[in-house]
């Protein structure tokens, strides 16, 4: 039985494992830290069903509808959205009544009035439950699985056909994984996928990592039963949680795939950004802040498909901050591209050639 070697143990990697298992591949999953510890644990974990790109609306909606059926996975606190362009939502067709947007105005727990499009079935995802569910899916479909945590891939060898993967464990011990002609490799390493040359792979398409900061403002008034407030017009979202508010200014700083350094200068931008729709948060102090990374292709669509130069390499990257939202549709999206070798599609790497 052939083996799928998957580099990356986050949302993309586990979905690649599910897809490969459904194609009757054995699974070897490599992650440089602990599974779901890297990019997946740093983001706001908000599930949204609408996007300006019409190609993504259907898989986004299907993913969130799948989440609803898994106990406690999705906190349906709802999303109150001020879209930058109303057209992209009004022209979409909801697959379920809970995904149908309606106009609403509400008074927030921090005292401001906020009006926008209310989408009931959107909300926050429990990442530990998401990880458990995706792992359970891999176990269900795969006949043989090897999970390698703290396994940092150092080099992928093969001028054309990849034949060896070298990795280093937590004790700096070098190991190698030989591949047969029937085996395949998935590069599903999040922002790290933007720098494939670090492990000896040719960069086949434009892909860049961007840094974004998140702030936690402490408040006893906050509750995770309150809607998420997102103003695309002001590039700010506020996610109420028990004990405080998670805030992002939605800024984009181009960087490399390993740069999780939080820049303290960003705190100075916070008051100015909150002056519009979120003045009630101005008196709250920043309890903590950190950086997350989001990876974008040139057209902001995911890159799913076979590499044009390495015939046994499949890419799952460029999710552009939509990994959580797409997490229960992504395996099917991968399978849809599986048989399209050398074919152009909305998501294939070949679209950039």
C-alpha atoms as a PDB file:
ATOM      1  CA  UNK A   1       0.000   0.000   0.000  1.00  0.00           C
ATOM      2  CA  UNK A   2       1.438   3.436  -0.915  1.00  0.00           C
ATOM      3  CA  UNK A   3       2.181   6.048   1.733  1.00  0.00           C
ATOM      4  CA  UNK A   4       1.314   9.737   1.952  1.00  0.00           C
ATOM      5  CA  UNK A   5       3.983  11.717   3.818  1.00  0.00           C
ATOM      6  CA  UNK A   6       2.391  14.900   5.123  1.00  0.00           C
ATOM      7  CA  UNK A   7       4.529  17.848   6.222  1.00  0.00           C
ATOM      8  CA  UNK A   8       2.481  19.926   8.646  1.00  0.00           C
ATOM      9  CA  UNK A   9       0.270  18.906  11.562  1.00  0.00           C
ATOM     10  CA  UNK A  10      -2.317  21.668  11.579  1.00  0.00           C
ATOM     11  CA  UNK A  11      -5.687  22.025   9.875  1.00  0.00           C
ATOM     12  CA  UNK A  12      -4.212  21.685   6.378  1.00  0.00           C
ATOM     13  CA  UNK A  13      -2.126  18.646   7.284  1.00  0.00           C
ATOM     14  CA  UNK A  14      -4.926  16.716   8.964  1.00  0.00           C
ATOM     15  CA  UNK A  15      -7.265  17.405   6.041  1.00  0.00           C
ATOM     16  CA  UNK A  16      -4.573  16.182   3.653  1.00  0.00           C
ATOM     17  CA  UNK A  17      -4.327  13.025   5.769  1.00  0.00           C
ATOM     18  CA  UNK A  18      -8.089  12.476   5.588  1.00  0.00           C
ATOM     19  CA  UNK A  19      -8.072  12.914   1.812  1.00  0.00           C
ATOM     20  CA  UNK A  20      -5.112  10.563   1.333  1.00  0.00           C
ATOM     21  CA  UNK A  21      -6.633   7.949   3.643  1.00  0.00           C
ATOM     22  CA  UNK A  22      -9.813   8.008   1.564  1.00  0.00           C
ATOM     23  CA  UNK A  23      -7.584   7.250  -1.443  1.00  0.00           C
ATOM     24  CA  UNK A  24      -6.218   4.175   0.394  1.00  0.00           C
ATOM     25  CA  UNK A  25      -2.827   5.603   1.355  1.00  0.00           C
ATOM     26  CA  UNK A  26      -1.015   4.858   4.575  1.00  0.00           C
ATOM     27  CA  UNK A  27      -0.341   8.057   6.520  1.00  0.00           C
ATOM     28  CA  UNK A  28       2.866   9.504   7.967  1.00  0.00           C
ATOM     29  CA  UNK A  29       2.196  12.931   9.472  1.00  0.00           C
ATOM     30  CA  UNK A  30       5.165  15.118  10.469  1.00  0.00           C
ATOM     31  CA  UNK A  31       4.882  18.255  12.612  1.00  0.00           C
ATOM     32  CA  UNK A  32       7.817  20.342  13.848  1.00  0.00           C
ATOM     33  CA  UNK A  33       6.125  21.029  17.212  1.00  0.00           C
ATOM     34  CA  UNK A  34       3.029  19.506  18.779  1.00  0.00           C
ATOM     35  CA  UNK A  35      -0.010  19.009  16.568  1.00  0.00           C
ATOM     36  CA  UNK A  36      -2.150  22.149  16.296  1.00  0.00           C
ATOM     37  CA  UNK A  37       0.385  24.086  18.409  1.00  0.00           C
ATOM     38  CA  UNK A  38       1.750  26.377  15.708  1.00  0.00           C
ATOM     39  CA  UNK A  39      -0.469  28.513  13.489  1.00  0.00           C
ATOM     40  CA  UNK A  40      -3.699  26.835  14.523  1.00  0.00           C
ATOM     41  CA  UNK A  41      -3.363  27.819  18.177  1.00  0.00           C
ATOM     42  CA  UNK A  42      -2.552  31.465  17.524  1.00  0.00           C
ATOM     43  CA  UNK A  43      -5.556  32.601  15.508  1.00  0.00           C
ATOM     44  CA  UNK A  44      -8.970  33.824  16.624  1.00  0.00           C
ATOM     45  CA  UNK A  45     -10.721  30.617  15.469  1.00  0.00           C
ATOM     46  CA  UNK A  46     -13.719  32.399  13.954  1.00  0.00           C
ATOM     47  CA  UNK A  47     -15.867  30.448  11.488  1.00  0.00           C
ATOM     48  CA  UNK A  48     -17.331  32.646   8.743  1.00  0.00           C
ATOM     49  CA  UNK A  49     -19.564  31.516   5.889  1.00  0.00           C
ATOM     50  CA  UNK A  50     -19.245  34.441   3.482  1.00  0.00           C
ATOM     51  CA  UNK A  51     -16.301  35.669   1.462  1.00  0.00           C
ATOM     52  CA  UNK A  52     -15.842  38.158  -1.401  1.00  0.00           C
ATOM     53  CA  UNK A  53     -14.574  35.243  -3.533  1.00  0.00           C
ATOM     54  CA  UNK A  54     -17.642  33.350  -4.850  1.00  0.00           C
ATOM     55  CA  UNK A  55     -15.538  30.190  -5.326  1.00  0.00           C
ATOM     56  CA  UNK A  56     -15.176  29.914  -1.551  1.00  0.00           C
ATOM     57  CA  UNK A  57     -18.729  30.584  -0.383  1.00  0.00           C
ATOM     58  CA  UNK A  58     -20.050  27.044  -0.966  1.00  0.00           C
ATOM     59  CA  UNK A  59     -17.182  25.190   0.809  1.00  0.00           C
ATOM     60  CA  UNK A  60     -17.278  27.734   3.646  1.00  0.00           C
ATOM     61  CA  UNK A  61     -20.992  27.163   4.158  1.00  0.00           C
ATOM     62  CA  UNK A  62     -20.660  23.368   3.936  1.00  0.00           C
ATOM     63  CA  UNK A  63     -17.869  23.406   6.489  1.00  0.00           C
ATOM     64  CA  UNK A  64     -19.816  25.458   9.035  1.00  0.00           C
ATOM     65  CA  UNK A  65     -22.928  23.330   8.533  1.00  0.00           C
ATOM     66  CA  UNK A  66     -20.803  20.258   9.287  1.00  0.00           C
ATOM     67  CA  UNK A  67     -19.538  21.943  12.459  1.00  0.00           C
ATOM     68  CA  UNK A  68     -23.082  22.466  13.710  1.00  0.00           C
ATOM     69  CA  UNK A  69     -23.604  18.694  13.918  1.00  0.00           C
ATOM     70  CA  UNK A  70     -20.557  18.108  16.147  1.00  0.00           C
ATOM     71  CA  UNK A  71     -21.390  18.746  19.827  1.00  0.00           C
ATOM     72  CA  UNK A  72     -19.737  21.846  21.318  1.00  0.00           C
ATOM     73  CA  UNK A  73     -17.394  22.369  18.357  1.00  0.00           C
ATOM     74  CA  UNK A  74     -18.959  25.638  17.190  1.00  0.00           C
ATOM     75  CA  UNK A  75     -20.172  28.306  19.579  1.00  0.00           C
ATOM     76  CA  UNK A  76     -23.025  29.752  17.523  1.00  0.00           C
ATOM     77  CA  UNK A  77     -22.771  33.168  19.142  1.00  0.00           C
ATOM     78  CA  UNK A  78     -23.358  34.689  15.730  1.00  0.00           C
ATOM     79  CA  UNK A  79     -21.499  37.255  13.664  1.00  0.00           C
ATOM     80  CA  UNK A  80     -22.599  40.862  13.220  1.00  0.00           C
ATOM     81  CA  UNK A  81     -20.751  42.037  10.126  1.00  0.00           C
ATOM     82  CA  UNK A  82     -20.290  45.420   8.483  1.00  0.00           C
ATOM     83  CA  UNK A  83     -19.126  44.250   5.054  1.00  0.00           C
ATOM     84  CA  UNK A  84     -16.835  46.355   2.937  1.00  0.00           C
ATOM     85  CA  UNK A  85     -19.024  45.598  -0.060  1.00  0.00           C
ATOM     86  CA  UNK A  86     -22.571  44.453   0.592  1.00  0.00           C
ATOM     87  CA  UNK A  87     -22.834  42.803  -2.844  1.00  0.00           C
ATOM     88  CA  UNK A  88     -20.723  39.753  -2.039  1.00  0.00           C
ATOM     89  CA  UNK A  89     -23.157  38.686   0.686  1.00  0.00           C
ATOM     90  CA  UNK A  90     -26.436  39.722  -0.929  1.00  0.00           C
ATOM     91  CA  UNK A  91     -25.514  37.809  -4.100  1.00  0.00           C
ATOM     92  CA  UNK A  92     -24.715  34.597  -2.201  1.00  0.00           C
ATOM     93  CA  UNK A  93     -27.287  31.865  -1.672  1.00  0.00           C
ATOM     94  CA  UNK A  94     -27.460  30.474   1.878  1.00  0.00           C
ATOM     95  CA  UNK A  95     -27.588  26.678   2.160  1.00  0.00           C
ATOM     96  CA  UNK A  96     -29.439  26.837   5.485  1.00  0.00           C
ATOM     97  CA  UNK A  97     -31.798  29.358   7.159  1.00  0.00           C
ATOM     98  CA  UNK A  98     -29.245  29.975   9.934  1.00  0.00           C
ATOM     99  CA  UNK A  99     -26.801  31.197   7.285  1.00  0.00           C
ATOM    100  CA  UNK A 100     -29.184  33.789   5.877  1.00  0.00           C
ATOM    101  CA  UNK A 101     -27.987  37.299   6.777  1.00  0.00           C
ATOM    102  CA  UNK A 102     -30.458  39.867   8.109  1.00  0.00           C
ATOM    103  CA  UNK A 103     -29.862  43.466   9.084  1.00  0.00           C
ATOM    104  CA  UNK A 104     -29.691  44.084  12.807  1.00  0.00           C
ATOM    105  CA  UNK A 105     -28.569  46.715  15.296  1.00  0.00           C
ATOM    106  CA  UNK A 106     -27.661  45.891  18.881  1.00  0.00           C
ATOM    107  CA  UNK A 107     -26.145  47.515  21.931  1.00  0.00           C
ATOM    108  CA  UNK A 108     -22.884  45.839  22.840  1.00  0.00           C
ATOM    109  CA  UNK A 109     -21.754  44.901  26.334  1.00  0.00           C
ATOM    110  CA  UNK A 110     -19.107  47.618  26.045  1.00  0.00           C
ATOM    111  CA  UNK A 111     -21.768  50.275  25.469  1.00  0.00           C
ATOM    112  CA  UNK A 112     -21.576  51.022  21.741  1.00  0.00           C
ATOM    113  CA  UNK A 113     -24.356  50.423  19.239  1.00  0.00           C
ATOM    114  CA  UNK A 114     -23.297  48.229  16.333  1.00  0.00           C
ATOM    115  CA  UNK A 115     -25.332  47.581  13.199  1.00  0.00           C
ATOM    116  CA  UNK A 116     -24.622  45.176  10.385  1.00  0.00           C
ATOM    117  CA  UNK A 117     -25.576  41.883   8.784  1.00  0.00           C
ATOM    118  CA  UNK A 118     -26.459  39.266  11.386  1.00  0.00           C
ATOM    119  CA  UNK A 119     -25.413  35.679  10.534  1.00  0.00           C
ATOM    120  CA  UNK A 120     -26.625  33.366  13.343  1.00  0.00           C
ATOM    121  CA  UNK A 121     -24.631  30.202  12.600  1.00  0.00           C
ATOM    122  CA  UNK A 122     -21.214  31.865  12.535  1.00  0.00           C
ATOM    123  CA  UNK A 123     -19.067  31.939  15.648  1.00  0.00           C
ATOM    124  CA  UNK A 124     -16.001  30.688  17.492  1.00  0.00           C
ATOM    125  CA  UNK A 125     -14.538  27.200  17.065  1.00  0.00           C
ATOM    126  CA  UNK A 126     -13.066  25.133  19.902  1.00  0.00           C
ATOM    127  CA  UNK A 127      -9.667  24.258  18.435  1.00  0.00           C
ATOM    128  CA  UNK A 128      -9.003  21.338  20.775  1.00  0.00           C
ATOM    129  CA  UNK A 129     -12.291  19.719  19.729  1.00  0.00           C
ATOM    130  CA  UNK A 130     -11.540  20.480  16.071  1.00  0.00           C
ATOM    131  CA  UNK A 131      -8.165  18.781  16.381  1.00  0.00           C
ATOM    132  CA  UNK A 132      -9.767  15.772  18.080  1.00  0.00           C
ATOM    133  CA  UNK A 133     -12.418  15.505  15.366  1.00  0.00           C
ATOM    134  CA  UNK A 134      -9.932  15.708  12.485  1.00  0.00           C
ATOM    135  CA  UNK A 135      -7.666  13.147  14.155  1.00  0.00           C
ATOM    136  CA  UNK A 136     -10.647  10.845  14.639  1.00  0.00           C
ATOM    137  CA  UNK A 137     -11.441  11.169  10.921  1.00  0.00           C
ATOM    138  CA  UNK A 138      -7.883  10.204   9.990  1.00  0.00           C
ATOM    139  CA  UNK A 139      -8.017   7.185  12.288  1.00  0.00           C
ATOM    140  CA  UNK A 140     -11.394   6.184  10.853  1.00  0.00           C
ATOM    141  CA  UNK A 141     -10.279   6.178   7.214  1.00  0.00           C
ATOM    142  CA  UNK A 142      -6.604   5.179   7.403  1.00  0.00           C
ATOM    143  CA  UNK A 143      -5.438   1.569   7.652  1.00  0.00           C
ATOM    144  CA  UNK A 144      -2.052   2.584   9.071  1.00  0.00           C
ATOM    145  CA  UNK A 145      -1.005   5.895  10.647  1.00  0.00           C
ATOM    146  CA  UNK A 146       2.278   7.189  12.019  1.00  0.00           C
ATOM    147  CA  UNK A 147       2.177  10.507  13.893  1.00  0.00           C
ATOM    148  CA  UNK A 148       5.598  12.165  14.252  1.00  0.00           C
ATOM    149  CA  UNK A 149       5.504  15.184  16.559  1.00  0.00           C
ATOM    150  CA  UNK A 150       8.557  17.407  17.144  1.00  0.00           C
ATOM    151  CA  UNK A 151       9.863  16.234  13.780  1.00  0.00           C
ATOM    152  CA  UNK A 152      11.325  19.166  11.864  1.00  0.00           C
ATOM    153  CA  UNK A 153      11.782  18.457   8.166  1.00  0.00           C
ATOM    154  CA  UNK A 154      15.285  19.556   7.158  1.00  0.00           C
ATOM    155  CA  UNK A 155      15.464  18.461   3.528  1.00  0.00           C
ATOM    156  CA  UNK A 156      13.341  16.910   0.815  1.00  0.00           C
ATOM    157  CA  UNK A 157      15.493  15.204  -1.818  1.00  0.00           C
ATOM    158  CA  UNK A 158      14.758  14.552  -5.464  1.00  0.00           C
ATOM    159  CA  UNK A 159      15.456  16.817  -8.421  1.00  0.00           C
ATOM    160  CA  UNK A 160      12.118  15.786  -9.883  1.00  0.00           C
ATOM    161  CA  UNK A 161      10.551  12.818  -8.121  1.00  0.00           C
ATOM    162  CA  UNK A 162      10.876  13.181  -4.334  1.00  0.00           C
ATOM    163  CA  UNK A 163      12.591  10.070  -2.961  1.00  0.00           C
ATOM    164  CA  UNK A 164      13.750  10.958   0.593  1.00  0.00           C
ATOM    165  CA  UNK A 165      12.634  13.160   3.497  1.00  0.00           C
ATOM    166  CA  UNK A 166      15.215  14.041   6.147  1.00  0.00           C
ATOM    167  CA  UNK A 167      13.963  15.264   9.524  1.00  0.00           C
ATOM    168  CA  UNK A 168      15.322  16.067  12.970  1.00  0.00           C
ATOM    169  CA  UNK A 169      13.665  15.102  16.251  1.00  0.00           C
ATOM    170  CA  UNK A 170      13.509  17.043  19.516  1.00  0.00           C
ATOM    171  CA  UNK A 171      16.922  15.647  20.517  1.00  0.00           C
ATOM    172  CA  UNK A 172      18.508  16.857  17.246  1.00  0.00           C
ATOM    173  CA  UNK A 173      18.768  13.271  16.009  1.00  0.00           C
ATOM    174  CA  UNK A 174      18.655  12.986  12.220  1.00  0.00           C
ATOM    175  CA  UNK A 175      16.344  10.468  10.576  1.00  0.00           C
ATOM    176  CA  UNK A 176      15.241   9.809   7.033  1.00  0.00           C
ATOM    177  CA  UNK A 177      12.116   8.508   5.362  1.00  0.00           C
ATOM    178  CA  UNK A 178      12.637   6.809   1.980  1.00  0.00           C
ATOM    179  CA  UNK A 179       9.833   7.035  -0.587  1.00  0.00           C
ATOM    180  CA  UNK A 180       8.849   4.556  -3.253  1.00  0.00           C
ATOM    181  CA  UNK A 181       7.607   5.571  -6.695  1.00  0.00           C
ATOM    182  CA  UNK A 182       4.017   5.134  -5.522  1.00  0.00           C
ATOM    183  CA  UNK A 183       4.376   7.387  -2.470  1.00  0.00           C
ATOM    184  CA  UNK A 184       3.389  11.041  -2.354  1.00  0.00           C
ATOM    185  CA  UNK A 185       4.283  14.106  -0.280  1.00  0.00           C
ATOM    186  CA  UNK A 186       1.902  16.798   0.927  1.00  0.00           C
ATOM    187  CA  UNK A 187       3.329  20.208   1.784  1.00  0.00           C
ATOM    188  CA  UNK A 188       0.711  21.490   4.225  1.00  0.00           C
ATOM    189  CA  UNK A 189       2.849  23.517   6.595  1.00  0.00           C
ATOM    190  CA  UNK A 190       0.902  26.771   6.826  1.00  0.00           C
ATOM    191  CA  UNK A 191       3.007  29.942   6.594  1.00  0.00           C
ATOM    192  CA  UNK A 192       6.147  27.834   6.444  1.00  0.00           C
ATOM    193  CA  UNK A 193       4.985  26.643   2.992  1.00  0.00           C
ATOM    194  CA  UNK A 194       5.886  30.108   1.686  1.00  0.00           C
ATOM    195  CA  UNK A 195       9.585  29.176   1.915  1.00  0.00           C
ATOM    196  CA  UNK A 196       9.912  25.704   0.342  1.00  0.00           C
ATOM    197  CA  UNK A 197      13.498  26.459  -0.704  1.00  0.00           C
ATOM    198  CA  UNK A 198      14.479  25.988   2.971  1.00  0.00           C
ATOM    199  CA  UNK A 199      14.032  22.251   2.503  1.00  0.00           C
ATOM    200  CA  UNK A 200      15.324  22.053  -1.053  1.00  0.00           C
ATOM    201  CA  UNK A 201      12.089  22.467  -3.001  1.00  0.00           C
ATOM    202  CA  UNK A 202      11.677  24.822  -5.927  1.00  0.00           C
ATOM    203  CA  UNK A 203       9.137  27.587  -5.331  1.00  0.00           C
ATOM    204  CA  UNK A 204       6.438  26.907  -7.912  1.00  0.00           C
ATOM    205  CA  UNK A 205       4.060  29.817  -7.325  1.00  0.00           C
ATOM    206  CA  UNK A 206       3.800  33.163  -5.488  1.00  0.00           C
ATOM    207  CA  UNK A 207       2.979  32.621  -1.815  1.00  0.00           C
ATOM    208  CA  UNK A 208       3.630  35.057   1.023  1.00  0.00           C
ATOM    209  CA  UNK A 209       3.191  35.067   4.791  1.00  0.00           C
ATOM    210  CA  UNK A 210       1.644  38.064   6.540  1.00  0.00           C
ATOM    211  CA  UNK A 211       1.675  38.872  10.233  1.00  0.00           C
ATOM    212  CA  UNK A 212      -1.396  40.034  12.144  1.00  0.00           C
ATOM    213  CA  UNK A 213      -1.676  40.930  15.837  1.00  0.00           C
ATOM    214  CA  UNK A 214      -4.336  39.972  18.359  1.00  0.00           C
ATOM    215  CA  UNK A 215      -5.063  41.734  21.653  1.00  0.00           C
ATOM    216  CA  UNK A 216      -6.915  40.542  24.716  1.00  0.00           C
ATOM    217  CA  UNK A 217      -8.682  43.305  26.655  1.00  0.00           C
ATOM    218  CA  UNK A 218      -9.775  42.205  30.119  1.00  0.00           C
ATOM    219  CA  UNK A 219     -13.400  42.908  31.112  1.00  0.00           C
ATOM    220  CA  UNK A 220     -15.881  41.224  33.439  1.00  0.00           C
ATOM    221  CA  UNK A 221     -18.703  42.459  31.177  1.00  0.00           C
ATOM    222  CA  UNK A 222     -17.656  40.235  28.277  1.00  0.00           C
ATOM    223  CA  UNK A 223     -19.334  36.907  27.527  1.00  0.00           C
ATOM    224  CA  UNK A 224     -18.911  34.365  24.764  1.00  0.00           C
ATOM    225  CA  UNK A 225     -22.692  34.372  24.338  1.00  0.00           C
ATOM    226  CA  UNK A 226     -22.442  37.821  22.765  1.00  0.00           C
ATOM    227  CA  UNK A 227     -22.023  38.124  18.971  1.00  0.00           C
ATOM    228  CA  UNK A 228     -18.699  38.669  17.267  1.00  0.00           C
ATOM    229  CA  UNK A 229     -18.525  42.214  15.884  1.00  0.00           C
ATOM    230  CA  UNK A 230     -16.618  42.672  12.646  1.00  0.00           C
ATOM    231  CA  UNK A 231     -16.282  45.947  10.784  1.00  0.00           C
ATOM    232  CA  UNK A 232     -14.613  45.349   7.438  1.00  0.00           C
ATOM    233  CA  UNK A 233     -15.034  49.070   6.807  1.00  0.00           C
ATOM    234  CA  UNK A 234     -12.707  49.863   9.727  1.00  0.00           C
ATOM    235  CA  UNK A 235     -10.604  46.678   9.578  1.00  0.00           C
ATOM    236  CA  UNK A 236     -11.395  45.735  13.170  1.00  0.00           C
ATOM    237  CA  UNK A 237     -13.108  42.751  14.741  1.00  0.00           C
ATOM    238  CA  UNK A 238     -14.032  42.130  18.367  1.00  0.00           C
ATOM    239  CA  UNK A 239     -14.666  38.611  19.634  1.00  0.00           C
ATOM    240  CA  UNK A 240     -16.260  38.619  23.115  1.00  0.00           C
ATOM    241  CA  UNK A 241     -14.985  35.843  25.355  1.00  0.00           C
ATOM    242  CA  UNK A 242     -15.617  35.021  28.990  1.00  0.00           C
ATOM    243  CA  UNK A 243     -13.512  37.552  30.863  1.00  0.00           C
ATOM    244  CA  UNK A 244     -12.561  39.868  28.029  1.00  0.00           C
ATOM    245  CA  UNK A 245     -12.512  40.816  24.363  1.00  0.00           C
ATOM    246  CA  UNK A 246     -10.222  39.449  21.670  1.00  0.00           C
ATOM    247  CA  UNK A 247      -9.483  42.294  19.255  1.00  0.00           C
ATOM    248  CA  UNK A 248      -7.658  42.450  15.934  1.00  0.00           C
ATOM    249  CA  UNK A 249      -6.888  45.456  13.740  1.00  0.00           C
ATOM    250  CA  UNK A 250      -6.693  43.127  10.709  1.00  0.00           C
ATOM    251  CA  UNK A 251      -3.355  44.609   9.693  1.00  0.00           C
ATOM    252  CA  UNK A 252      -1.039  42.815   7.261  1.00  0.00           C
ATOM    253  CA  UNK A 253       2.756  42.860   7.619  1.00  0.00           C
ATOM    254  CA  UNK A 254       4.619  40.859   5.009  1.00  0.00           C
ATOM    255  CA  UNK A 255       7.137  38.618   6.739  1.00  0.00           C
ATOM    256  CA  UNK A 256       8.719  35.177   6.636  1.00  0.00           C
ATOM    257  CA  UNK A 257       7.022  31.964   7.624  1.00  0.00           C
ATOM    258  CA  UNK A 258       8.668  31.689  11.047  1.00  0.00           C
ATOM    259  CA  UNK A 259       8.176  35.237  12.336  1.00  0.00           C
ATOM    260  CA  UNK A 260       5.776  35.094  15.269  1.00  0.00           C
ATOM    261  CA  UNK A 261       7.400  38.055  17.029  1.00  0.00           C
ATOM    262  CA  UNK A 262       4.779  40.454  18.403  1.00  0.00           C
ATOM    263  CA  UNK A 263       5.731  44.084  17.768  1.00  0.00           C
ATOM    264  CA  UNK A 264       4.935  46.245  20.795  1.00  0.00           C
ATOM    265  CA  UNK A 265       4.550  49.306  18.536  1.00  0.00           C
ATOM    266  CA  UNK A 266       1.229  47.905  17.323  1.00  0.00           C
ATOM    267  CA  UNK A 267      -0.317  48.746  20.719  1.00  0.00           C
ATOM    268  CA  UNK A 268       0.028  52.426  19.827  1.00  0.00           C
ATOM    269  CA  UNK A 269      -2.337  51.913  16.867  1.00  0.00           C
ATOM    270  CA  UNK A 270      -5.074  50.356  18.976  1.00  0.00           C
ATOM    271  CA  UNK A 271      -6.776  53.536  20.336  1.00  0.00           C
ATOM    272  CA  UNK A 272      -7.036  55.143  16.908  1.00  0.00           C
ATOM    273  CA  UNK A 273      -8.540  51.993  15.387  1.00  0.00           C
ATOM    274  CA  UNK A 274     -11.171  51.670  18.128  1.00  0.00           C
ATOM    275  CA  UNK A 275     -12.394  55.276  17.898  1.00  0.00           C
ATOM    276  CA  UNK A 276     -15.047  54.447  15.315  1.00  0.00           C
ATOM    277  CA  UNK A 277     -17.423  51.620  16.198  1.00  0.00           C
ATOM    278  CA  UNK A 278     -15.665  50.427  19.361  1.00  0.00           C
ATOM    279  CA  UNK A 279     -15.166  53.481  21.567  1.00  0.00           C
ATOM    280  CA  UNK A 280     -16.463  51.582  24.580  1.00  0.00           C
ATOM    281  CA  UNK A 281     -13.280  49.499  24.580  1.00  0.00           C
ATOM    282  CA  UNK A 282     -10.900  52.461  24.805  1.00  0.00           C
ATOM    283  CA  UNK A 283     -10.754  52.446  28.608  1.00  0.00           C
ATOM    284  CA  UNK A 284      -9.784  48.764  28.808  1.00  0.00           C
ATOM    285  CA  UNK A 285      -6.159  47.806  29.212  1.00  0.00           C
ATOM    286  CA  UNK A 286      -4.310  45.297  27.054  1.00  0.00           C
ATOM    287  CA  UNK A 287      -3.767  42.191  29.164  1.00  0.00           C
ATOM    288  CA  UNK A 288      -1.833  40.334  26.470  1.00  0.00           C
ATOM    289  CA  UNK A 289      -1.075  40.450  22.758  1.00  0.00           C
ATOM    290  CA  UNK A 290       0.560  38.143  20.229  1.00  0.00           C
ATOM    291  CA  UNK A 291       1.064  37.621  16.519  1.00  0.00           C
ATOM    292  CA  UNK A 292      -0.411  35.091  14.123  1.00  0.00           C
ATOM    293  CA  UNK A 293       0.512  34.407  10.506  1.00  0.00           C
ATOM    294  CA  UNK A 294      -1.737  34.134   7.483  1.00  0.00           C
ATOM    295  CA  UNK A 295      -0.509  32.893   4.123  1.00  0.00           C
ATOM    296  CA  UNK A 296      -1.801  34.222   0.814  1.00  0.00           C
ATOM    297  CA  UNK A 297      -1.374  33.330  -2.818  1.00  0.00           C
ATOM    298  CA  UNK A 298      -1.260  36.103  -5.413  1.00  0.00           C
ATOM    299  CA  UNK A 299      -5.031  35.914  -6.017  1.00  0.00           C
ATOM    300  CA  UNK A 300      -5.865  35.167  -2.335  1.00  0.00           C
ATOM    301  CA  UNK A 301      -7.311  31.754  -3.182  1.00  0.00           C
ATOM    302  CA  UNK A 302      -6.066  28.538  -1.574  1.00  0.00           C
ATOM    303  CA  UNK A 303      -3.486  26.516  -3.455  1.00  0.00           C
ATOM    304  CA  UNK A 304      -4.588  22.894  -3.673  1.00  0.00           C
ATOM    305  CA  UNK A 305      -3.027  20.542  -6.161  1.00  0.00           C
ATOM    306  CA  UNK A 306      -0.019  18.835  -7.666  1.00  0.00           C
ATOM    307  CA  UNK A 307       3.273  20.659  -8.015  1.00  0.00           C
ATOM    308  CA  UNK A 308       4.197  21.426 -11.645  1.00  0.00           C
ATOM    309  CA  UNK A 309       7.850  20.371 -11.133  1.00  0.00           C
ATOM    310  CA  UNK A 310       7.645  17.511  -8.616  1.00  0.00           C
ATOM    311  CA  UNK A 311       5.040  14.971  -9.815  1.00  0.00           C
ATOM    312  CA  UNK A 312       4.571  13.328  -6.401  1.00  0.00           C
ATOM    313  CA  UNK A 313       4.230  16.598  -4.422  1.00  0.00           C
ATOM    314  CA  UNK A 314       0.779  17.977  -3.527  1.00  0.00           C
ATOM    315  CA  UNK A 315       0.283  21.452  -2.038  1.00  0.00           C
ATOM    316  CA  UNK A 316      -2.298  22.425   0.586  1.00  0.00           C
ATOM    317  CA  UNK A 317      -1.498  26.026   1.436  1.00  0.00           C
ATOM    318  CA  UNK A 318      -2.461  29.674   1.003  1.00  0.00           C
ATOM    319  CA  UNK A 319      -5.627  29.367   3.080  1.00  0.00           C
ATOM    320  CA  UNK A 320      -5.440  33.093   3.820  1.00  0.00           C
ATOM    321  CA  UNK A 321      -6.794  32.990   7.353  1.00  0.00           C
ATOM    322  CA  UNK A 322      -9.730  30.803   6.318  1.00  0.00           C
ATOM    323  CA  UNK A 323      -8.320  27.520   7.606  1.00  0.00           C
ATOM    324  CA  UNK A 324     -10.691  27.252  10.553  1.00  0.00           C
ATOM    325  CA  UNK A 325     -13.710  28.229   8.448  1.00  0.00           C
ATOM    326  CA  UNK A 326     -12.809  25.678   5.744  1.00  0.00           C
ATOM    327  CA  UNK A 327     -11.629  22.979   8.144  1.00  0.00           C
ATOM    328  CA  UNK A 328     -14.541  20.572   7.573  1.00  0.00           C
ATOM    329  CA  UNK A 329     -14.651  21.087   3.784  1.00  0.00           C
ATOM    330  CA  UNK A 330     -10.965  21.117   2.981  1.00  0.00           C
ATOM    331  CA  UNK A 331     -10.505  17.344   2.616  1.00  0.00           C
ATOM    332  CA  UNK A 332     -13.216  17.245  -0.052  1.00  0.00           C
ATOM    333  CA  UNK A 333     -11.634  20.237  -1.807  1.00  0.00           C
ATOM    334  CA  UNK A 334      -8.327  18.343  -1.872  1.00  0.00           C
ATOM    335  CA  UNK A 335     -10.024  15.251  -3.299  1.00  0.00           C
ATOM    336  CA  UNK A 336     -11.667  17.375  -6.001  1.00  0.00           C
ATOM    337  CA  UNK A 337      -8.192  18.460  -7.163  1.00  0.00           C
ATOM    338  CA  UNK A 338      -6.533  15.048  -6.721  1.00  0.00           C
ATOM    339  CA  UNK A 339      -7.248  13.719 -10.195  1.00  0.00           C
ATOM    340  CA  UNK A 340      -6.549  17.035 -11.947  1.00  0.00           C
ATOM    341  CA  UNK A 341      -2.848  16.519 -12.575  1.00  0.00           C
ATOM    342  CA  UNK A 342      -1.452  19.239 -14.868  1.00  0.00           C
ATOM    343  CA  UNK A 343      -4.933  20.753 -15.096  1.00  0.00           C
ATOM    344  CA  UNK A 344      -5.839  24.382 -14.521  1.00  0.00           C
ATOM    345  CA  UNK A 345      -8.527  25.034 -11.937  1.00  0.00           C
ATOM    346  CA  UNK A 346      -9.573  27.728  -9.483  1.00  0.00           C
ATOM    347  CA  UNK A 347      -7.239  26.334  -6.825  1.00  0.00           C
ATOM    348  CA  UNK A 348      -4.477  24.441  -8.671  1.00  0.00           C
ATOM    349  CA  UNK A 349      -0.834  25.645  -8.659  1.00  0.00           C
ATOM    350  CA  UNK A 350      -0.908  25.493 -12.465  1.00  0.00           C
ATOM    351  CA  UNK A 351      -3.015  28.656 -12.588  1.00  0.00           C
ATOM    352  CA  UNK A 352       0.143  30.669 -11.896  1.00  0.00           C
ATOM    353  CA  UNK A 353       2.214  29.214 -14.749  1.00  0.00           C
END
